[in-house]
Amino acid sequence: MSDIRFIIIGILLIFSGFLVLGIFGENYQASSIEANEFETCLEFSDDKEPIPIDCSEKMLGQNTFFGLVIALIAGGMLALVKGARGNWDSKVKPEDMVGPGRDNRMDGNDSNGN
């Protein structure tokens, strides 16, 4: 796989990690506050009264969610490092090279017109 693809994949993974955290993170931050302050956790719904539930289940869901977000961001960072450290500059074919170090010019002249 090309190294620029790793850079693009890394950017997308990091962006998706922050996007998931921003959209769904609010639902998971209340469980730690409930467990620390009130020692009872409640499950809220739109049509019923709040139901008391086990705080460890709610904390497990929160930790799983944040583990997923951390995994997305860490995977993106690893892909960025792999893409940045790649050897794609050294694998350019000689016929595709351009610039002052190119030896096989078409007209045989150098760039200063001599």
PDB file of N, CA and C in Angstrom:
ATOM      1  N   MET A   1       0.848  -1.169   0.000  1.00  0.00           N
ATOM      2  CA  MET A   1       0.000   0.000   0.000  1.00  0.00           C
ATOM      3  C   MET A   1       0.893   1.231   0.000  1.00  0.00           C
ATOM      4  N   SER A   2       0.502   2.194  -0.737  1.00  0.00           N
ATOM      5  CA  SER A   2       1.279   3.419  -0.847  1.00  0.00           C
ATOM      6  C   SER A   2       1.309   4.175   0.481  1.00  0.00           C
ATOM      7  N   ASP A   3       2.366   4.902   0.693  1.00  0.00           N
ATOM      8  CA  ASP A   3       2.528   5.609   1.959  1.00  0.00           C
ATOM      9  C   ASP A   3       1.565   6.775   2.101  1.00  0.00           C
ATOM     10  N   ILE A   4       1.206   7.408   1.007  1.00  0.00           N
ATOM     11  CA  ILE A   4       0.246   8.509   1.089  1.00  0.00           C
ATOM     12  C   ILE A   4      -1.132   7.980   1.504  1.00  0.00           C
ATOM     13  N   ARG A   5      -1.406   6.748   1.163  1.00  0.00           N
ATOM     14  CA  ARG A   5      -2.667   6.143   1.603  1.00  0.00           C
ATOM     15  C   ARG A   5      -2.691   5.974   3.115  1.00  0.00           C
ATOM     16  N   PHE A   6      -1.553   5.619   3.707  1.00  0.00           N
ATOM     17  CA  PHE A   6      -1.493   5.508   5.161  1.00  0.00           C
ATOM     18  C   PHE A   6      -1.739   6.862   5.818  1.00  0.00           C
ATOM     19  N   ILE A   7      -1.241   7.923   5.224  1.00  0.00           N
ATOM     20  CA  ILE A   7      -1.466   9.255   5.774  1.00  0.00           C
ATOM     21  C   ILE A   7      -2.951   9.609   5.703  1.00  0.00           C
ATOM     22  N   ILE A   8      -3.583   9.323   4.590  1.00  0.00           N
ATOM     23  CA  ILE A   8      -5.016   9.606   4.444  1.00  0.00           C
ATOM     24  C   ILE A   8      -5.832   8.757   5.404  1.00  0.00           C
ATOM     25  N   ILE A   9      -5.496   7.475   5.530  1.00  0.00           N
ATOM     26  CA  ILE A   9      -6.207   6.588   6.460  1.00  0.00           C
ATOM     27  C   ILE A   9      -6.023   7.073   7.894  1.00  0.00           C
ATOM     28  N   GLY A  10      -4.821   7.507   8.238  1.00  0.00           N
ATOM     29  CA  GLY A  10      -4.564   8.017   9.578  1.00  0.00           C
ATOM     30  C   GLY A  10      -5.386   9.247   9.895  1.00  0.00           C
ATOM     31  N   ILE A  11      -5.460  10.169   8.958  1.00  0.00           N
ATOM     32  CA  ILE A  11      -6.266  11.373   9.157  1.00  0.00           C
ATOM     33  C   ILE A  11      -7.732  11.013   9.318  1.00  0.00           C
ATOM     34  N   LEU A  12      -8.227  10.096   8.506  1.00  0.00           N
ATOM     35  CA  LEU A  12      -9.634   9.691   8.606  1.00  0.00           C
ATOM     36  C   LEU A  12      -9.928   8.988   9.924  1.00  0.00           C
ATOM     37  N   LEU A  13      -9.026   8.132  10.400  1.00  0.00           N
ATOM     38  CA  LEU A  13      -9.243   7.441  11.673  1.00  0.00           C
ATOM     39  C   LEU A  13      -9.246   8.408  12.849  1.00  0.00           C
ATOM     40  N   ILE A  14      -8.326   9.348  12.857  1.00  0.00           N
ATOM     41  CA  ILE A  14      -8.290  10.330  13.946  1.00  0.00           C
ATOM     42  C   ILE A  14      -9.543  11.204  13.915  1.00  0.00           C
ATOM     43  N   PHE A  15      -9.927  11.643  12.732  1.00  0.00           N
ATOM     44  CA  PHE A  15     -11.129  12.462  12.604  1.00  0.00           C
ATOM     45  C   PHE A  15     -12.368  11.690  13.052  1.00  0.00           C
ATOM     46  N   SER A  16     -12.471  10.422  12.650  1.00  0.00           N
ATOM     47  CA  SER A  16     -13.641   9.638  13.050  1.00  0.00           C
ATOM     48  C   SER A  16     -13.653   9.378  14.551  1.00  0.00           C
ATOM     49  N   GLY A  17     -12.475   9.214  15.175  1.00  0.00           N
ATOM     50  CA  GLY A  17     -12.416   9.040  16.622  1.00  0.00           C
ATOM     51  C   GLY A  17     -12.934  10.259  17.359  1.00  0.00           C
ATOM     52  N   PHE A  18     -12.508  11.437  16.937  1.00  0.00           N
ATOM     53  CA  PHE A  18     -12.998  12.654  17.569  1.00  0.00           C
ATOM     54  C   PHE A  18     -14.471  12.900  17.248  1.00  0.00           C
ATOM     55  N   LEU A  19     -14.894  12.523  16.051  1.00  0.00           N
ATOM     56  CA  LEU A  19     -16.300  12.686  15.686  1.00  0.00           C
ATOM     57  C   LEU A  19     -17.202  11.787  16.531  1.00  0.00           C
ATOM     58  N   VAL A  20     -16.822  10.537  16.708  1.00  0.00           N
ATOM     59  CA  VAL A  20     -17.594   9.610  17.546  1.00  0.00           C
ATOM     60  C   VAL A  20     -17.619  10.101  18.989  1.00  0.00           C
ATOM     61  N   LEU A  21     -16.489  10.579  19.479  1.00  0.00           N
ATOM     62  CA  LEU A  21     -16.428  11.100  20.837  1.00  0.00           C
ATOM     63  C   LEU A  21     -17.324  12.324  20.989  1.00  0.00           C
ATOM     64  N   GLY A  22     -17.335  13.202  20.019  1.00  0.00           N
ATOM     65  CA  GLY A  22     -18.152  14.405  20.091  1.00  0.00           C
ATOM     66  C   GLY A  22     -19.642  14.130  20.002  1.00  0.00           C
ATOM     67  N   ILE A  23     -20.027  13.170  19.180  1.00  0.00           N
ATOM     68  CA  ILE A  23     -21.450  12.899  18.989  1.00  0.00           C
ATOM     69  C   ILE A  23     -22.017  12.043  20.111  1.00  0.00           C
ATOM     70  N   PHE A  24     -21.317  10.967  20.459  1.00  0.00           N
ATOM     71  CA  PHE A  24     -21.866  10.007  21.414  1.00  0.00           C
ATOM     72  C   PHE A  24     -21.254  10.110  22.809  1.00  0.00           C
ATOM     73  N   GLY A  25     -20.258  10.946  23.011  1.00  0.00           N
ATOM     74  CA  GLY A  25     -19.564  11.015  24.286  1.00  0.00           C
ATOM     75  C   GLY A  25     -20.413  11.535  25.431  1.00  0.00           C
ATOM     76  N   GLU A  26     -21.360  12.383  25.121  1.00  0.00           N
ATOM     77  CA  GLU A  26     -22.210  12.953  26.160  1.00  0.00           C
ATOM     78  C   GLU A  26     -23.031  11.879  26.876  1.00  0.00           C
ATOM     79  N   ASN A  27     -23.421  10.848  26.153  1.00  0.00           N
ATOM     80  CA  ASN A  27     -24.223   9.778  26.745  1.00  0.00           C
ATOM     81  C   ASN A  27     -23.433   8.963  27.757  1.00  0.00           C
ATOM     82  N   TYR A  28     -22.105   8.971  27.662  1.00  0.00           N
ATOM     83  CA  TYR A  28     -21.283   8.097  28.491  1.00  0.00           C
ATOM     84  C   TYR A  28     -20.579   8.817  29.632  1.00  0.00           C
ATOM     85  N   GLN A  29     -20.624  10.127  29.694  1.00  0.00           N
ATOM     86  CA  GLN A  29     -19.915  10.818  30.759  1.00  0.00           C
ATOM     87  C   GLN A  29     -20.731  10.903  32.041  1.00  0.00           C
ATOM     88  N   ALA A  30     -22.024  10.737  31.975  1.00  0.00           N
ATOM     89  CA  ALA A  30     -22.870  10.874  33.156  1.00  0.00           C
ATOM     90  C   ALA A  30     -22.703   9.717  34.132  1.00  0.00           C
ATOM     91  N   SER A  31     -22.306   8.558  33.666  1.00  0.00           N
ATOM     92  CA  SER A  31     -22.225   7.402  34.561  1.00  0.00           C
ATOM     93  C   SER A  31     -21.135   7.571  35.612  1.00  0.00           C
ATOM     94  N   SER A  32     -20.010   8.167  35.267  1.00  0.00           N
ATOM     95  CA  SER A  32     -18.969   8.367  36.269  1.00  0.00           C
ATOM     96  C   SER A  32     -19.380   9.419  37.289  1.00  0.00           C
ATOM     97  N   ILE A  33     -20.108  10.425  36.856  1.00  0.00           N
ATOM     98  CA  ILE A  33     -20.601  11.434  37.793  1.00  0.00           C
ATOM     99  C   ILE A  33     -21.621  10.817  38.743  1.00  0.00           C
ATOM    100  N   GLU A  34     -22.535  10.021  38.214  1.00  0.00           N
ATOM    101  CA  GLU A  34     -23.541   9.359  39.048  1.00  0.00           C
ATOM    102  C   GLU A  34     -22.888   8.411  40.049  1.00  0.00           C
ATOM    103  N   ALA A  35     -21.916   7.653  39.618  1.00  0.00           N
ATOM    104  CA  ALA A  35     -21.277   6.681  40.501  1.00  0.00           C
ATOM    105  C   ALA A  35     -20.485   7.363  41.605  1.00  0.00           C
ATOM    106  N   ASN A  36     -19.810   8.473  41.299  1.00  0.00           N
ATOM    107  CA  ASN A  36     -18.991   9.150  42.300  1.00  0.00           C
ATOM    108  C   ASN A  36     -19.819   9.985  43.271  1.00  0.00           C
ATOM    109  N   GLU A  37     -20.848  10.637  42.783  1.00  0.00           N
ATOM    110  CA  GLU A  37     -21.600  11.557  43.627  1.00  0.00           C
ATOM    111  C   GLU A  37     -22.769  10.902  44.353  1.00  0.00           C
ATOM    112  N   PHE A  38     -23.510  10.055  43.667  1.00  0.00           N
ATOM    113  CA  PHE A  38     -24.758   9.541  44.227  1.00  0.00           C
ATOM    114  C   PHE A  38     -24.709   8.065  44.598  1.00  0.00           C
ATOM    115  N   GLU A  39     -23.724   7.335  44.095  1.00  0.00           N
ATOM    116  CA  GLU A  39     -23.540   5.901  44.338  1.00  0.00           C
ATOM    117  C   GLU A  39     -24.692   5.046  43.811  1.00  0.00           C
ATOM    118  N   THR A  40     -25.597   5.622  43.073  1.00  0.00           N
ATOM    119  CA  THR A  40     -26.642   4.870  42.370  1.00  0.00           C
ATOM    120  C   THR A  40     -26.701   5.394  40.945  1.00  0.00           C
ATOM    121  N   CYS A  41     -26.927   4.499  40.014  1.00  0.00           N
ATOM    122  CA  CYS A  41     -27.032   4.889  38.618  1.00  0.00           C
ATOM    123  C   CYS A  41     -28.463   4.669  38.152  1.00  0.00           C
ATOM    124  N   LEU A  42     -28.911   5.537  37.275  1.00  0.00           N
ATOM    125  CA  LEU A  42     -30.270   5.457  36.758  1.00  0.00           C
ATOM    126  C   LEU A  42     -30.233   5.351  35.248  1.00  0.00           C
ATOM    127  N   GLU A  43     -31.156   4.565  34.721  1.00  0.00           N
ATOM    128  CA  GLU A  43     -31.337   4.445  33.271  1.00  0.00           C
ATOM    129  C   GLU A  43     -32.546   5.297  32.906  1.00  0.00           C
ATOM    130  N   PHE A  44     -32.332   6.302  32.067  1.00  0.00           N
ATOM    131  CA  PHE A  44     -33.403   7.220  31.703  1.00  0.00           C
ATOM    132  C   PHE A  44     -33.995   6.840  30.355  1.00  0.00           C
ATOM    133  N   SER A  45     -35.309   7.004  30.238  1.00  0.00           N
ATOM    134  CA  SER A  45     -35.996   6.808  28.964  1.00  0.00           C
ATOM    135  C   SER A  45     -37.032   7.909  28.812  1.00  0.00           C
ATOM    136  N   ASP A  46     -37.539   8.071  27.612  1.00  0.00           N
ATOM    137  CA  ASP A  46     -38.474   9.159  27.342  1.00  0.00           C
ATOM    138  C   ASP A  46     -39.874   8.901  27.880  1.00  0.00           C
ATOM    139  N   ASP A  47     -40.283   7.653  27.906  1.00  0.00           N
ATOM    140  CA  ASP A  47     -41.677   7.362  28.244  1.00  0.00           C
ATOM    141  C   ASP A  47     -41.884   6.757  29.630  1.00  0.00           C
ATOM    142  N   LYS A  48     -40.812   6.435  30.377  1.00  0.00           N
ATOM    143  CA  LYS A  48     -40.945   5.814  31.689  1.00  0.00           C
ATOM    144  C   LYS A  48     -40.167   6.586  32.735  1.00  0.00           C
ATOM    145  N   GLU A  49     -40.399   6.229  33.964  1.00  0.00           N
ATOM    146  CA  GLU A  49     -39.634   6.769  35.078  1.00  0.00           C
ATOM    147  C   GLU A  49     -38.209   6.212  35.026  1.00  0.00           C
ATOM    148  N   PRO A  50     -37.233   6.914  35.618  1.00  0.00           N
ATOM    149  CA  PRO A  50     -35.868   6.381  35.665  1.00  0.00           C
ATOM    150  C   PRO A  50     -35.803   5.066  36.442  1.00  0.00           C
ATOM    151  N   ILE A  51     -35.023   4.125  35.919  1.00  0.00           N
ATOM    152  CA  ILE A  51     -34.889   2.796  36.512  1.00  0.00           C
ATOM    153  C   ILE A  51     -33.498   2.689  37.134  1.00  0.00           C
ATOM    154  N   PRO A  52     -33.391   2.334  38.421  1.00  0.00           N
ATOM    155  CA  PRO A  52     -32.060   2.140  39.009  1.00  0.00           C
ATOM    156  C   PRO A  52     -31.390   0.890  38.429  1.00  0.00           C
ATOM    157  N   ILE A  53     -30.123   1.027  38.057  1.00  0.00           N
ATOM    158  CA  ILE A  53     -29.362  -0.097  37.505  1.00  0.00           C
ATOM    159  C   ILE A  53     -28.028  -0.189  38.235  1.00  0.00           C
ATOM    160  N   ASP A  54     -27.309  -1.259  37.967  1.00  0.00           N
ATOM    161  CA  ASP A  54     -25.997  -1.483  38.559  1.00  0.00           C
ATOM    162  C   ASP A  54     -24.985  -0.526  37.917  1.00  0.00           C
ATOM    163  N   CYS A  55     -24.259   0.209  38.742  1.00  0.00           N
ATOM    164  CA  CYS A  55     -23.290   1.187  38.222  1.00  0.00           C
ATOM    165  C   CYS A  55     -22.126   0.519  37.490  1.00  0.00           C
ATOM    166  N   SER A  56     -21.781  -0.704  37.872  1.00  0.00           N
ATOM    167  CA  SER A  56     -20.655  -1.360  37.212  1.00  0.00           C
ATOM    168  C   SER A  56     -20.971  -1.665  35.750  1.00  0.00           C
ATOM    169  N   GLU A  57     -22.237  -1.999  35.444  1.00  0.00           N
ATOM    170  CA  GLU A  57     -22.619  -2.223  34.043  1.00  0.00           C
ATOM    171  C   GLU A  57     -22.511  -0.939  33.234  1.00  0.00           C
ATOM    172  N   LYS A  58     -22.959   0.141  33.832  1.00  0.00           N
ATOM    173  CA  LYS A  58     -22.915   1.419  33.128  1.00  0.00           C
ATOM    174  C   LYS A  58     -21.463   1.886  32.946  1.00  0.00           C
ATOM    175  N   MET A  59     -20.625   1.641  33.941  1.00  0.00           N
ATOM    176  CA  MET A  59     -19.211   2.008  33.827  1.00  0.00           C
ATOM    177  C   MET A  59     -18.496   1.133  32.801  1.00  0.00           C
ATOM    178  N   LEU A  60     -18.895  -0.139  32.693  1.00  0.00           N
ATOM    179  CA  LEU A  60     -18.310  -1.025  31.692  1.00  0.00           C
ATOM    180  C   LEU A  60     -18.635  -0.527  30.283  1.00  0.00           C
ATOM    181  N   GLY A  61     -19.858  -0.092  30.069  1.00  0.00           N
ATOM    182  CA  GLY A  61     -20.236   0.473  28.777  1.00  0.00           C
ATOM    183  C   GLY A  61     -19.450   1.734  28.470  1.00  0.00           C
ATOM    184  N   GLN A  62     -19.256   2.575  29.484  1.00  0.00           N
ATOM    185  CA  GLN A  62     -18.487   3.797  29.304  1.00  0.00           C
ATOM    186  C   GLN A  62     -17.038   3.480  28.970  1.00  0.00           C
ATOM    187  N   ASN A  63     -16.444   2.541  29.684  1.00  0.00           N
ATOM    188  CA  ASN A  63     -15.048   2.182  29.422  1.00  0.00           C
ATOM    189  C   ASN A  63     -14.880   1.534  28.053  1.00  0.00           C
ATOM    190  N   THR A  64     -15.840   0.748  27.631  1.00  0.00           N
ATOM    191  CA  THR A  64     -15.789   0.141  26.301  1.00  0.00           C
ATOM    192  C   THR A  64     -15.860   1.206  25.212  1.00  0.00           C
ATOM    193  N   PHE A  65     -16.742   2.174  25.402  1.00  0.00           N
ATOM    194  CA  PHE A  65     -16.866   3.270  24.437  1.00  0.00           C
ATOM    195  C   PHE A  65     -15.571   4.058  24.323  1.00  0.00           C
ATOM    196  N   PHE A  66     -15.013   4.441  25.469  1.00  0.00           N
ATOM    197  CA  PHE A  66     -13.778   5.219  25.426  1.00  0.00           C
ATOM    198  C   PHE A  66     -12.606   4.378  24.929  1.00  0.00           C
ATOM    199  N   GLY A  67     -12.629   3.082  25.160  1.00  0.00           N
ATOM    200  CA  GLY A  67     -11.610   2.206  24.590  1.00  0.00           C
ATOM    201  C   GLY A  67     -11.681   2.182  23.069  1.00  0.00           C
ATOM    202  N   LEU A  68     -12.899   2.179  22.532  1.00  0.00           N
ATOM    203  CA  LEU A  68     -13.085   2.236  21.076  1.00  0.00           C
ATOM    204  C   LEU A  68     -12.553   3.546  20.508  1.00  0.00           C
ATOM    205  N   VAL A  69     -12.849   4.642  21.178  1.00  0.00           N
ATOM    206  CA  VAL A  69     -12.375   5.944  20.708  1.00  0.00           C
ATOM    207  C   VAL A  69     -10.855   6.014  20.766  1.00  0.00           C
ATOM    208  N   ILE A  70     -10.275   5.525  21.856  1.00  0.00           N
ATOM    209  CA  ILE A  70      -8.809   5.519  21.985  1.00  0.00           C
ATOM    210  C   ILE A  70      -8.194   4.642  20.894  1.00  0.00           C
ATOM    211  N   ALA A  71      -8.819   3.508  20.596  1.00  0.00           N
ATOM    212  CA  ALA A  71      -8.300   2.614  19.561  1.00  0.00           C
ATOM    213  C   ALA A  71      -8.342   3.289  18.185  1.00  0.00           C
ATOM    214  N   LEU A  72      -9.411   4.009  17.887  1.00  0.00           N
ATOM    215  CA  LEU A  72      -9.502   4.724  16.607  1.00  0.00           C
ATOM    216  C   LEU A  72      -8.410   5.783  16.494  1.00  0.00           C
ATOM    217  N   ILE A  73      -8.240   6.567  17.543  1.00  0.00           N
ATOM    218  CA  ILE A  73      -7.249   7.638  17.493  1.00  0.00           C
ATOM    219  C   ILE A  73      -5.836   7.063  17.461  1.00  0.00           C
ATOM    220  N   ALA A  74      -5.566   6.028  18.249  1.00  0.00           N
ATOM    221  CA  ALA A  74      -4.234   5.416  18.249  1.00  0.00           C
ATOM    222  C   ALA A  74      -3.928   4.754  16.907  1.00  0.00           C
ATOM    223  N   GLY A  75      -4.921   4.090  16.310  1.00  0.00           N
ATOM    224  CA  GLY A  75      -4.720   3.500  14.990  1.00  0.00           C
ATOM    225  C   GLY A  75      -4.422   4.561  13.942  1.00  0.00           C
ATOM    226  N   GLY A  76      -5.103   5.693  14.045  1.00  0.00           N
ATOM    227  CA  GLY A  76      -4.827   6.798  13.129  1.00  0.00           C
ATOM    228  C   GLY A  76      -3.436   7.364  13.308  1.00  0.00           C
ATOM    229  N   MET A  77      -2.998   7.465  14.548  1.00  0.00           N
ATOM    230  CA  MET A  77      -1.653   7.971  14.801  1.00  0.00           C
ATOM    231  C   MET A  77      -0.592   7.008  14.277  1.00  0.00           C
ATOM    232  N   LEU A  78      -0.812   5.706  14.459  1.00  0.00           N
ATOM    233  CA  LEU A  78       0.136   4.717  13.926  1.00  0.00           C
ATOM    234  C   LEU A  78       0.194   4.771  12.404  1.00  0.00           C
ATOM    235  N   ALA A  79      -0.970   4.932  11.771  1.00  0.00           N
ATOM    236  CA  ALA A  79      -0.989   5.026  10.312  1.00  0.00           C
ATOM    237  C   ALA A  79      -0.274   6.290   9.837  1.00  0.00           C
ATOM    238  N   LEU A  80      -0.443   7.397  10.564  1.00  0.00           N
ATOM    239  CA  LEU A  80       0.268   8.622  10.193  1.00  0.00           C
ATOM    240  C   LEU A  80       1.777   8.454  10.321  1.00  0.00           C
ATOM    241  N   VAL A  81       2.216   7.811  11.381  1.00  0.00           N
ATOM    242  CA  VAL A  81       3.656   7.594  11.571  1.00  0.00           C
ATOM    243  C   VAL A  81       4.193   6.677  10.481  1.00  0.00           C
ATOM    244  N   LYS A  82       3.450   5.616  10.162  1.00  0.00           N
ATOM    245  CA  LYS A  82       3.898   4.700   9.106  1.00  0.00           C
ATOM    246  C   LYS A  82       3.958   5.418   7.758  1.00  0.00           C
ATOM    247  N   GLY A  83       2.984   6.251   7.481  1.00  0.00           N
ATOM    248  CA  GLY A  83       2.989   6.997   6.225  1.00  0.00           C
ATOM    249  C   GLY A  83       4.091   8.027   6.154  1.00  0.00           C
ATOM    250  N   ALA A  84       4.369   8.693   7.282  1.00  0.00           N
ATOM    251  CA  ALA A  84       5.404   9.723   7.289  1.00  0.00           C
ATOM    252  C   ALA A  84       6.803   9.114   7.241  1.00  0.00           C
ATOM    253  N   ARG A  85       6.982   7.940   7.828  1.00  0.00           N
ATOM    254  CA  ARG A  85       8.297   7.304   7.844  1.00  0.00           C
ATOM    255  C   ARG A  85       8.523   6.401   6.642  1.00  0.00           C
ATOM    256  N   GLY A  86       7.581   6.338   5.742  1.00  0.00           N
ATOM    257  CA  GLY A  86       7.694   5.441   4.592  1.00  0.00           C
ATOM    258  C   GLY A  86       8.833   5.810   3.672  1.00  0.00           C
ATOM    259  N   ASN A  87       9.101   4.926   2.748  1.00  0.00           N
ATOM    260  CA  ASN A  87      10.207   5.138   1.820  1.00  0.00           C
ATOM    261  C   ASN A  87       9.705   5.461   0.423  1.00  0.00           C
ATOM    262  N   TRP A  88       8.612   6.173   0.342  1.00  0.00           N
ATOM    263  CA  TRP A  88       8.037   6.456  -0.961  1.00  0.00           C
ATOM    264  C   TRP A  88       8.874   7.434  -1.770  1.00  0.00           C
ATOM    265  N   ASP A  89       9.702   8.251  -1.132  1.00  0.00           N
ATOM    266  CA  ASP A  89      10.575   9.138  -1.888  1.00  0.00           C
ATOM    267  C   ASP A  89      11.714   8.379  -2.557  1.00  0.00           C
ATOM    268  N   SER A  90      12.165   7.297  -1.952  1.00  0.00           N
ATOM    269  CA  SER A  90      13.295   6.575  -2.508  1.00  0.00           C
ATOM    270  C   SER A  90      12.887   5.570  -3.576  1.00  0.00           C
ATOM    271  N   LYS A  91      11.607   5.376  -3.782  1.00  0.00           N
ATOM    272  CA  LYS A  91      11.152   4.397  -4.767  1.00  0.00           C
ATOM    273  C   LYS A  91      10.640   5.053  -6.058  1.00  0.00           C
ATOM    274  N   VAL A  92      11.143   6.227  -6.361  1.00  0.00           N
ATOM    275  CA  VAL A  92      10.769   6.903  -7.604  1.00  0.00           C
ATOM    276  C   VAL A  92      11.600   6.318  -8.729  1.00  0.00           C
ATOM    277  N   LYS A  93      10.936   5.992  -9.832  1.00  0.00           N
ATOM    278  CA  LYS A  93      11.646   5.435 -10.980  1.00  0.00           C
ATOM    279  C   LYS A  93      12.546   6.506 -11.599  1.00  0.00           C
ATOM    280  N   PRO A  94      13.694   6.119 -12.136  1.00  0.00           N
ATOM    281  CA  PRO A  94      14.616   7.114 -12.719  1.00  0.00           C
ATOM    282  C   PRO A  94      13.976   7.912 -13.855  1.00  0.00           C
ATOM    283  N   GLU A  95      13.106   7.301 -14.633  1.00  0.00           N
ATOM    284  CA  GLU A  95      12.493   8.046 -15.742  1.00  0.00           C
ATOM    285  C   GLU A  95      11.435   9.037 -15.264  1.00  0.00           C
ATOM    286  N   ASP A  96      10.992   8.906 -14.023  1.00  0.00           N
ATOM    287  CA  ASP A  96      10.001   9.835 -13.476  1.00  0.00           C
ATOM    288  C   ASP A  96      10.633  10.971 -12.683  1.00  0.00           C
ATOM    289  N   MET A  97      11.942  10.917 -12.480  1.00  0.00           N
ATOM    290  CA  MET A  97      12.615  11.948 -11.699  1.00  0.00           C
ATOM    291  C   MET A  97      12.691  13.247 -12.475  1.00  0.00           C
ATOM    292  N   VAL A  98      12.510  14.343 -11.770  1.00  0.00           N
ATOM    293  CA  VAL A  98      12.656  15.680 -12.349  1.00  0.00           C
ATOM    294  C   VAL A  98      13.504  16.508 -11.405  1.00  0.00           C
ATOM    295  N   GLY A  99      14.043  17.581 -11.893  1.00  0.00           N
ATOM    296  CA  GLY A  99      14.806  18.465 -11.037  1.00  0.00           C
ATOM    297  C   GLY A  99      16.255  18.552 -11.443  1.00  0.00           C
ATOM    298  N   PRO A 100      17.062  19.267 -10.649  1.00  0.00           N
ATOM    299  CA  PRO A 100      18.451  19.529 -11.042  1.00  0.00           C
ATOM    300  C   PRO A 100      19.358  18.298 -11.007  1.00  0.00           C
ATOM    301  N   GLY A 101      19.019  17.255 -10.289  1.00  0.00           N
ATOM    302  CA  GLY A 101      19.885  16.089 -10.216  1.00  0.00           C
ATOM    303  C   GLY A 101      19.648  15.077 -11.317  1.00  0.00           C
ATOM    304  N   ARG A 102      18.781  15.358 -12.243  1.00  0.00           N
ATOM    305  CA  ARG A 102      18.464  14.402 -13.304  1.00  0.00           C
ATOM    306  C   ARG A 102      19.567  14.415 -14.358  1.00  0.00           C
ATOM    307  N   ASP A 103      20.106  13.263 -14.689  1.00  0.00           N
ATOM    308  CA  ASP A 103      21.239  13.175 -15.603  1.00  0.00           C
ATOM    309  C   ASP A 103      20.825  13.009 -17.059  1.00  0.00           C
ATOM    310  N   ASN A 104      19.733  12.352 -17.338  1.00  0.00           N
ATOM    311  CA  ASN A 104      19.361  12.040 -18.723  1.00  0.00           C
ATOM    312  C   ASN A 104      18.343  13.058 -19.239  1.00  0.00           C
ATOM    313  N   ARG A 105      18.841  14.224 -19.622  1.00  0.00           N
ATOM    314  CA  ARG A 105      17.962  15.263 -20.174  1.00  0.00           C
ATOM    315  C   ARG A 105      17.718  14.987 -21.654  1.00  0.00           C
ATOM    316  N   MET A 106      16.607  15.452 -22.122  1.00  0.00           N
ATOM    317  CA  MET A 106      16.209  15.201 -23.505  1.00  0.00           C
ATOM    318  C   MET A 106      17.111  15.950 -24.493  1.00  0.00           C
ATOM    319  N   ASP A 107      17.434  17.224 -24.173  1.00  0.00           N
ATOM    320  CA  ASP A 107      18.196  18.017 -25.138  1.00  0.00           C
ATOM    321  C   ASP A 107      19.699  17.997 -24.876  1.00  0.00           C
ATOM    322  N   GLY A 108      20.144  17.464 -23.765  1.00  0.00           N
ATOM    323  CA  GLY A 108      21.553  17.364 -23.459  1.00  0.00           C
ATOM    324  C   GLY A 108      22.128  18.648 -22.887  1.00  0.00           C
ATOM    325  N   ASN A 109      21.349  19.710 -22.774  1.00  0.00           N
ATOM    326  CA  ASN A 109      21.828  20.963 -22.211  1.00  0.00           C
ATOM    327  C   ASN A 109      21.498  21.028 -20.735  1.00  0.00           C
ATOM    328  N   ASP A 110      22.263  21.864 -20.017  1.00  0.00           N
ATOM    329  CA  ASP A 110      21.926  22.060 -18.621  1.00  0.00           C
ATOM    330  C   ASP A 110      20.895  23.178 -18.491  1.00  0.00           C
ATOM    331  N   SER A 111      20.442  23.467 -17.301  1.00  0.00           N
ATOM    332  CA  SER A 111      19.324  24.377 -17.107  1.00  0.00           C
ATOM    333  C   SER A 111      19.680  25.846 -17.279  1.00  0.00           C
ATOM    334  N   ASN A 112      20.976  26.222 -17.318  1.00  0.00           N
ATOM    335  CA  ASN A 112      21.321  27.651 -17.439  1.00  0.00           C
ATOM    336  C   ASN A 112      21.476  28.095 -18.886  1.00  0.00           C
ATOM    337  N   GLY A 113      21.172  27.264 -19.853  1.00  0.00           N
ATOM    338  CA  GLY A 113      21.161  27.647 -21.258  1.00  0.00           C
ATOM    339  C   GLY A 113      22.480  27.515 -21.958  1.00  0.00           C
ATOM    340  N   ASN A 114      23.507  26.941 -21.395  1.00  0.00           N
ATOM    341  CA  ASN A 114      24.816  26.792 -22.030  1.00  0.00           C
ATOM    342  C   ASN A 114      24.877  25.582 -22.903  1.00  0.00           C
TER     343      ASN A 114
END
